[in-house]
Amino acid sequence: MSPALLLALMIQTVPSTEMNGQWDVDLSVEPGEPYVRPMQLTLAPDGTVSGTFYYSDIEAGRWKDQNGRLCVAFRTTDGVGPYHTAACRVGDHIEGQTWAEHRNFVFVWTAVRSAGAQ
């Protein structure tokens, strides 16, 4: 393996702390009707993501920092079916979408750091 390839592989396994921590996810669909739920993310060196999203434990979470974008993907459940979420850091916030096939909807959402969070 070339030294450059080895270095690239090593760099991508070091998680950025930019997405770690507590976030407020805005799932609002109607202006003036806030619908905010919590998200807590921990990105590990092995490429996994753990935490919670909308009061559910994150399952099978993964992260990737590539092409100047730090993104996560994971699954949660409501006990009836899975919710598939993908999101990327954009400046000081996160932009994402969550698909619930069993409920026939996609939420497009944004998240900001929770008040008092670092």
N, C-alpha and C. Protein backbone atom coordinates (compact mmCIF):
# COMPACT_ATOMS: atom_id res chain seq x y z
N MET A 1 0.85 -1.17 0.00
CA MET A 1 0.00 0.00 0.00
C MET A 1 0.90 1.24 0.00
N SER A 2 0.54 2.22 -0.82
CA SER A 2 1.36 3.42 -0.90
C SER A 2 1.23 4.25 0.37
N PRO A 3 2.29 4.99 0.73
CA PRO A 3 2.22 5.83 1.93
C PRO A 3 1.07 6.85 1.86
N ALA A 4 0.80 7.39 0.67
CA ALA A 4 -0.29 8.38 0.54
C ALA A 4 -1.64 7.74 0.81
N LEU A 5 -1.85 6.53 0.30
CA LEU A 5 -3.13 5.85 0.53
C LEU A 5 -3.28 5.49 2.01
N LEU A 6 -2.20 5.02 2.61
CA LEU A 6 -2.24 4.68 4.03
C LEU A 6 -2.57 5.91 4.87
N LEU A 7 -1.96 7.06 4.55
CA LEU A 7 -2.23 8.29 5.27
C LEU A 7 -3.69 8.71 5.09
N ALA A 8 -4.21 8.59 3.89
CA ALA A 8 -5.61 8.95 3.63
C ALA A 8 -6.56 8.07 4.44
N LEU A 9 -6.26 6.78 4.53
CA LEU A 9 -7.10 5.87 5.31
C LEU A 9 -7.03 6.20 6.79
N MET A 10 -5.86 6.57 7.28
CA MET A 10 -5.71 6.92 8.68
C MET A 10 -6.46 8.20 9.01
N ILE A 11 -6.39 9.18 8.12
CA ILE A 11 -7.05 10.46 8.37
C ILE A 11 -8.55 10.29 8.46
N GLN A 12 -9.14 9.50 7.59
CA GLN A 12 -10.60 9.38 7.60
C GLN A 12 -11.13 8.57 8.77
N THR A 13 -10.26 7.91 9.54
CA THR A 13 -10.75 7.18 10.70
C THR A 13 -10.66 8.00 11.98
N VAL A 14 -10.17 9.23 11.89
CA VAL A 14 -10.13 10.11 13.05
C VAL A 14 -11.39 10.97 13.01
N PRO A 15 -12.31 10.75 13.93
CA PRO A 15 -13.57 11.49 13.85
C PRO A 15 -13.40 12.96 14.19
N SER A 16 -14.12 13.78 13.49
CA SER A 16 -14.18 15.19 13.81
C SER A 16 -15.15 15.36 14.97
N THR A 17 -14.90 16.32 15.81
CA THR A 17 -15.81 16.58 16.92
C THR A 17 -16.89 17.59 16.51
N GLU A 18 -16.88 18.02 15.24
CA GLU A 18 -17.83 19.03 14.79
C GLU A 18 -19.29 18.62 14.93
N MET A 19 -19.58 17.32 14.91
CA MET A 19 -20.97 16.88 15.02
C MET A 19 -21.27 16.23 16.37
N ASN A 20 -20.23 15.99 17.18
CA ASN A 20 -20.45 15.40 18.49
C ASN A 20 -21.25 16.35 19.37
N GLY A 21 -22.14 15.80 20.17
CA GLY A 21 -22.85 16.60 21.14
C GLY A 21 -24.35 16.62 20.95
N GLN A 22 -24.97 17.58 21.61
CA GLN A 22 -26.42 17.69 21.66
C GLN A 22 -26.91 18.71 20.63
N TRP A 23 -27.95 18.32 19.88
CA TRP A 23 -28.53 19.15 18.82
C TRP A 23 -30.04 19.25 19.00
N ASP A 24 -30.61 20.37 18.54
CA ASP A 24 -32.06 20.55 18.48
C ASP A 24 -32.47 20.42 17.02
N VAL A 25 -33.24 19.39 16.72
CA VAL A 25 -33.66 19.11 15.35
C VAL A 25 -35.03 19.74 15.10
N ASP A 26 -35.10 20.60 14.09
CA ASP A 26 -36.35 21.27 13.72
C ASP A 26 -37.03 20.47 12.62
N LEU A 27 -38.07 19.75 12.99
CA LEU A 27 -38.84 18.92 12.06
C LEU A 27 -40.13 19.61 11.62
N SER A 28 -40.21 20.92 11.83
CA SER A 28 -41.43 21.67 11.52
C SER A 28 -41.82 21.56 10.06
N VAL A 29 -43.11 21.41 9.83
CA VAL A 29 -43.63 21.39 8.45
C VAL A 29 -44.52 22.60 8.18
N GLU A 30 -44.98 23.26 9.22
CA GLU A 30 -45.82 24.44 9.09
C GLU A 30 -45.12 25.64 9.74
N PRO A 31 -45.01 26.77 9.02
CA PRO A 31 -44.42 27.97 9.63
C PRO A 31 -45.21 28.37 10.88
N GLY A 32 -44.47 28.75 11.90
CA GLY A 32 -45.11 29.18 13.13
C GLY A 32 -45.56 28.05 14.04
N GLU A 33 -45.34 26.80 13.61
CA GLU A 33 -45.69 25.64 14.44
C GLU A 33 -44.42 24.83 14.70
N PRO A 34 -43.64 25.25 15.71
CA PRO A 34 -42.37 24.55 15.97
C PRO A 34 -42.57 23.08 16.34
N TYR A 35 -41.67 22.26 15.84
CA TYR A 35 -41.68 20.84 16.15
C TYR A 35 -40.21 20.42 16.29
N VAL A 36 -39.67 20.60 17.47
CA VAL A 36 -38.24 20.40 17.72
C VAL A 36 -38.05 19.19 18.63
N ARG A 37 -37.12 18.31 18.24
CA ARG A 37 -36.80 17.12 19.00
C ARG A 37 -35.28 17.02 19.16
N PRO A 38 -34.80 16.32 20.20
CA PRO A 38 -33.37 16.25 20.47
C PRO A 38 -32.63 15.20 19.64
N MET A 39 -31.34 15.47 19.44
CA MET A 39 -30.44 14.50 18.81
C MET A 39 -29.10 14.62 19.54
N GLN A 40 -28.53 13.48 19.91
CA GLN A 40 -27.21 13.45 20.53
C GLN A 40 -26.34 12.54 19.69
N LEU A 41 -25.19 13.05 19.23
CA LEU A 41 -24.30 12.28 18.36
C LEU A 41 -22.93 12.11 18.98
N THR A 42 -22.37 10.91 18.81
CA THR A 42 -20.98 10.62 19.16
C THR A 42 -20.37 9.87 17.99
N LEU A 43 -19.36 10.48 17.36
CA LEU A 43 -18.66 9.86 16.24
C LEU A 43 -17.40 9.19 16.78
N ALA A 44 -17.25 7.90 16.55
CA ALA A 44 -16.12 7.12 17.08
C ALA A 44 -15.05 6.93 16.01
N PRO A 45 -13.79 6.68 16.42
CA PRO A 45 -12.70 6.49 15.47
C PRO A 45 -12.92 5.34 14.49
N ASP A 46 -13.73 4.35 14.84
CA ASP A 46 -13.94 3.22 13.94
C ASP A 46 -14.99 3.49 12.86
N GLY A 47 -15.48 4.75 12.79
CA GLY A 47 -16.44 5.12 11.76
C GLY A 47 -17.90 4.94 12.18
N THR A 48 -18.12 4.55 13.43
CA THR A 48 -19.49 4.36 13.89
C THR A 48 -20.04 5.64 14.52
N VAL A 49 -21.37 5.71 14.56
CA VAL A 49 -22.07 6.81 15.21
C VAL A 49 -23.01 6.20 16.24
N SER A 50 -23.01 6.76 17.44
CA SER A 50 -23.95 6.33 18.48
C SER A 50 -24.65 7.57 19.01
N GLY A 51 -25.67 7.33 19.81
CA GLY A 51 -26.41 8.42 20.41
C GLY A 51 -27.90 8.19 20.31
N THR A 52 -28.64 9.29 20.22
CA THR A 52 -30.10 9.21 20.13
C THR A 52 -30.61 10.22 19.11
N PHE A 53 -31.77 9.91 18.56
CA PHE A 53 -32.46 10.82 17.63
C PHE A 53 -33.94 10.69 17.91
N TYR A 54 -34.57 11.81 18.27
CA TYR A 54 -36.02 11.82 18.54
C TYR A 54 -36.37 10.76 19.58
N TYR A 55 -35.59 10.72 20.65
CA TYR A 55 -35.81 9.82 21.81
C TYR A 55 -35.59 8.34 21.49
N SER A 56 -35.00 8.01 20.36
CA SER A 56 -34.71 6.61 20.01
C SER A 56 -33.21 6.42 19.89
N ASP A 57 -32.72 5.25 20.31
CA ASP A 57 -31.30 4.94 20.18
C ASP A 57 -30.91 4.80 18.71
N ILE A 58 -29.75 5.34 18.38
CA ILE A 58 -29.21 5.20 17.03
C ILE A 58 -28.70 3.77 16.86
N GLU A 59 -29.08 3.16 15.75
CA GLU A 59 -28.66 1.80 15.39
C GLU A 59 -27.87 1.87 14.09
N ALA A 60 -26.83 1.06 13.98
CA ALA A 60 -26.07 0.91 12.73
C ALA A 60 -25.60 2.25 12.18
N GLY A 61 -25.20 3.17 13.05
CA GLY A 61 -24.75 4.49 12.60
C GLY A 61 -23.34 4.47 12.04
N ARG A 62 -23.14 5.26 11.00
CA ARG A 62 -21.82 5.41 10.36
C ARG A 62 -21.60 6.89 10.04
N TRP A 63 -20.31 7.31 10.00
CA TRP A 63 -19.97 8.67 9.60
C TRP A 63 -18.88 8.62 8.55
N LYS A 64 -18.77 9.71 7.79
CA LYS A 64 -17.73 9.82 6.76
C LYS A 64 -17.39 11.30 6.58
N ASP A 65 -16.12 11.61 6.48
CA ASP A 65 -15.64 12.95 6.18
C ASP A 65 -14.95 12.84 4.83
N GLN A 66 -15.62 13.31 3.80
CA GLN A 66 -15.11 13.14 2.44
C GLN A 66 -15.55 14.32 1.57
N ASN A 67 -14.69 14.72 0.66
CA ASN A 67 -15.01 15.81 -0.28
C ASN A 67 -15.44 17.08 0.44
N GLY A 68 -14.84 17.34 1.60
CA GLY A 68 -15.15 18.54 2.34
C GLY A 68 -16.47 18.51 3.09
N ARG A 69 -17.07 17.32 3.20
CA ARG A 69 -18.36 17.18 3.89
C ARG A 69 -18.26 16.13 4.99
N LEU A 70 -18.73 16.48 6.17
CA LEU A 70 -18.82 15.53 7.29
C LEU A 70 -20.28 15.12 7.41
N CYS A 71 -20.53 13.82 7.19
CA CYS A 71 -21.92 13.33 7.16
C CYS A 71 -22.08 12.09 8.03
N VAL A 72 -23.32 11.86 8.46
CA VAL A 72 -23.67 10.67 9.22
C VAL A 72 -24.87 10.00 8.56
N ALA A 73 -25.01 8.72 8.81
CA ALA A 73 -26.20 7.97 8.39
C ALA A 73 -26.48 6.94 9.48
N PHE A 74 -27.76 6.77 9.80
CA PHE A 74 -28.10 5.82 10.86
C PHE A 74 -29.57 5.42 10.76
N ARG A 75 -29.91 4.46 11.57
CA ARG A 75 -31.28 3.96 11.64
C ARG A 75 -31.77 4.09 13.08
N THR A 76 -33.05 4.43 13.23
CA THR A 76 -33.73 4.39 14.52
C THR A 76 -35.05 3.65 14.30
N THR A 77 -35.80 3.44 15.36
CA THR A 77 -37.08 2.76 15.21
C THR A 77 -38.09 3.34 16.20
N ASP A 78 -39.35 3.23 15.83
CA ASP A 78 -40.42 3.61 16.74
C ASP A 78 -41.10 2.38 17.32
N GLY A 79 -40.49 1.22 17.12
CA GLY A 79 -41.07 -0.04 17.58
C GLY A 79 -41.97 -0.68 16.56
N VAL A 80 -42.31 0.05 15.51
CA VAL A 80 -43.16 -0.47 14.43
C VAL A 80 -42.32 -0.70 13.17
N GLY A 81 -41.44 0.23 12.88
CA GLY A 81 -40.60 0.13 11.69
C GLY A 81 -39.39 1.03 11.80
N PRO A 82 -38.48 0.94 10.83
CA PRO A 82 -37.25 1.72 10.87
C PRO A 82 -37.42 3.14 10.31
N TYR A 83 -36.60 4.03 10.82
CA TYR A 83 -36.43 5.38 10.28
C TYR A 83 -34.99 5.47 9.81
N HIS A 84 -34.77 5.82 8.56
CA HIS A 84 -33.43 5.94 7.99
C HIS A 84 -33.09 7.42 7.88
N THR A 85 -31.99 7.81 8.49
CA THR A 85 -31.59 9.21 8.54
C THR A 85 -30.21 9.40 7.94
N ALA A 86 -30.06 10.47 7.17
CA ALA A 86 -28.76 10.89 6.64
C ALA A 86 -28.67 12.39 6.84
N ALA A 87 -27.49 12.88 7.25
CA ALA A 87 -27.34 14.30 7.53
C ALA A 87 -25.89 14.72 7.37
N CYS A 88 -25.67 15.99 7.03
CA CYS A 88 -24.33 16.53 6.88
C CYS A 88 -24.20 17.86 7.60
N ARG A 89 -23.01 18.11 8.08
CA ARG A 89 -22.69 19.39 8.72
C ARG A 89 -22.56 20.43 7.62
N VAL A 90 -23.24 21.57 7.79
CA VAL A 90 -23.17 22.69 6.85
C VAL A 90 -22.93 23.94 7.69
N GLY A 91 -21.70 24.42 7.70
CA GLY A 91 -21.38 25.57 8.54
C GLY A 91 -21.59 25.25 10.01
N ASP A 92 -22.46 26.02 10.67
CA ASP A 92 -22.69 25.84 12.10
C ASP A 92 -23.91 24.99 12.41
N HIS A 93 -24.50 24.37 11.39
CA HIS A 93 -25.70 23.57 11.62
C HIS A 93 -25.62 22.25 10.86
N ILE A 94 -26.64 21.42 11.02
CA ILE A 94 -26.74 20.14 10.32
C ILE A 94 -27.99 20.16 9.46
N GLU A 95 -27.88 19.65 8.24
CA GLU A 95 -29.03 19.50 7.35
C GLU A 95 -29.22 18.02 7.08
N GLY A 96 -30.46 17.54 7.23
CA GLY A 96 -30.69 16.12 7.06
C GLY A 96 -32.08 15.79 6.56
N GLN A 97 -32.26 14.49 6.38
CA GLN A 97 -33.57 13.97 6.00
C GLN A 97 -33.74 12.61 6.65
N THR A 98 -34.99 12.33 6.99
CA THR A 98 -35.34 11.06 7.62
C THR A 98 -36.49 10.45 6.85
N TRP A 99 -36.32 9.20 6.47
CA TRP A 99 -37.32 8.47 5.69
C TRP A 99 -37.92 7.37 6.54
N ALA A 100 -39.25 7.34 6.62
CA ALA A 100 -39.98 6.28 7.31
C ALA A 100 -40.88 5.60 6.28
N GLU A 101 -40.38 4.54 5.69
CA GLU A 101 -41.13 3.85 4.65
C GLU A 101 -42.48 3.35 5.17
N HIS A 102 -42.49 2.80 6.37
CA HIS A 102 -43.73 2.25 6.92
C HIS A 102 -44.76 3.33 7.25
N ARG A 103 -44.34 4.56 7.33
CA ARG A 103 -45.28 5.67 7.57
C ARG A 103 -45.46 6.53 6.33
N ASN A 104 -44.76 6.18 5.25
CA ASN A 104 -44.92 6.84 3.96
C ASN A 104 -44.60 8.34 4.01
N PHE A 105 -43.47 8.70 4.66
CA PHE A 105 -43.07 10.10 4.64
C PHE A 105 -41.57 10.26 4.70
N VAL A 106 -41.14 11.44 4.28
CA VAL A 106 -39.76 11.90 4.41
C VAL A 106 -39.80 13.25 5.12
N PHE A 107 -39.04 13.40 6.18
CA PHE A 107 -38.87 14.69 6.84
C PHE A 107 -37.57 15.28 6.35
N VAL A 108 -37.58 16.54 5.94
CA VAL A 108 -36.37 17.29 5.63
C VAL A 108 -36.20 18.27 6.78
N TRP A 109 -35.05 18.25 7.43
CA TRP A 109 -34.89 18.99 8.67
C TRP A 109 -33.54 19.68 8.78
N THR A 110 -33.45 20.58 9.76
CA THR A 110 -32.20 21.22 10.13
C THR A 110 -32.02 21.07 11.63
N ALA A 111 -30.79 21.18 12.08
CA ALA A 111 -30.51 21.09 13.51
C ALA A 111 -29.47 22.14 13.88
N VAL A 112 -29.63 22.71 15.07
CA VAL A 112 -28.67 23.65 15.63
C VAL A 112 -28.23 23.12 16.99
N ARG A 113 -27.07 23.56 17.43
CA ARG A 113 -26.58 23.17 18.75
C ARG A 113 -27.61 23.50 19.81
N SER A 114 -27.81 22.59 20.75
CA SER A 114 -28.70 22.86 21.87
C SER A 114 -28.15 24.02 22.69
N ALA A 115 -29.02 24.80 23.27
CA ALA A 115 -28.61 25.94 24.11
C ALA A 115 -27.67 25.44 25.19
N GLY A 116 -26.56 26.09 25.34
CA GLY A 116 -25.59 25.71 26.37
C GLY A 116 -24.65 24.61 25.94
N ALA A 117 -24.87 23.98 24.77
CA ALA A 117 -23.99 22.91 24.30
C ALA A 117 -22.75 23.52 23.66
N GLN A 118 -21.67 22.82 23.74
CA GLN A 118 -20.42 23.27 23.12
C GLN A 118 -20.30 22.79 21.70
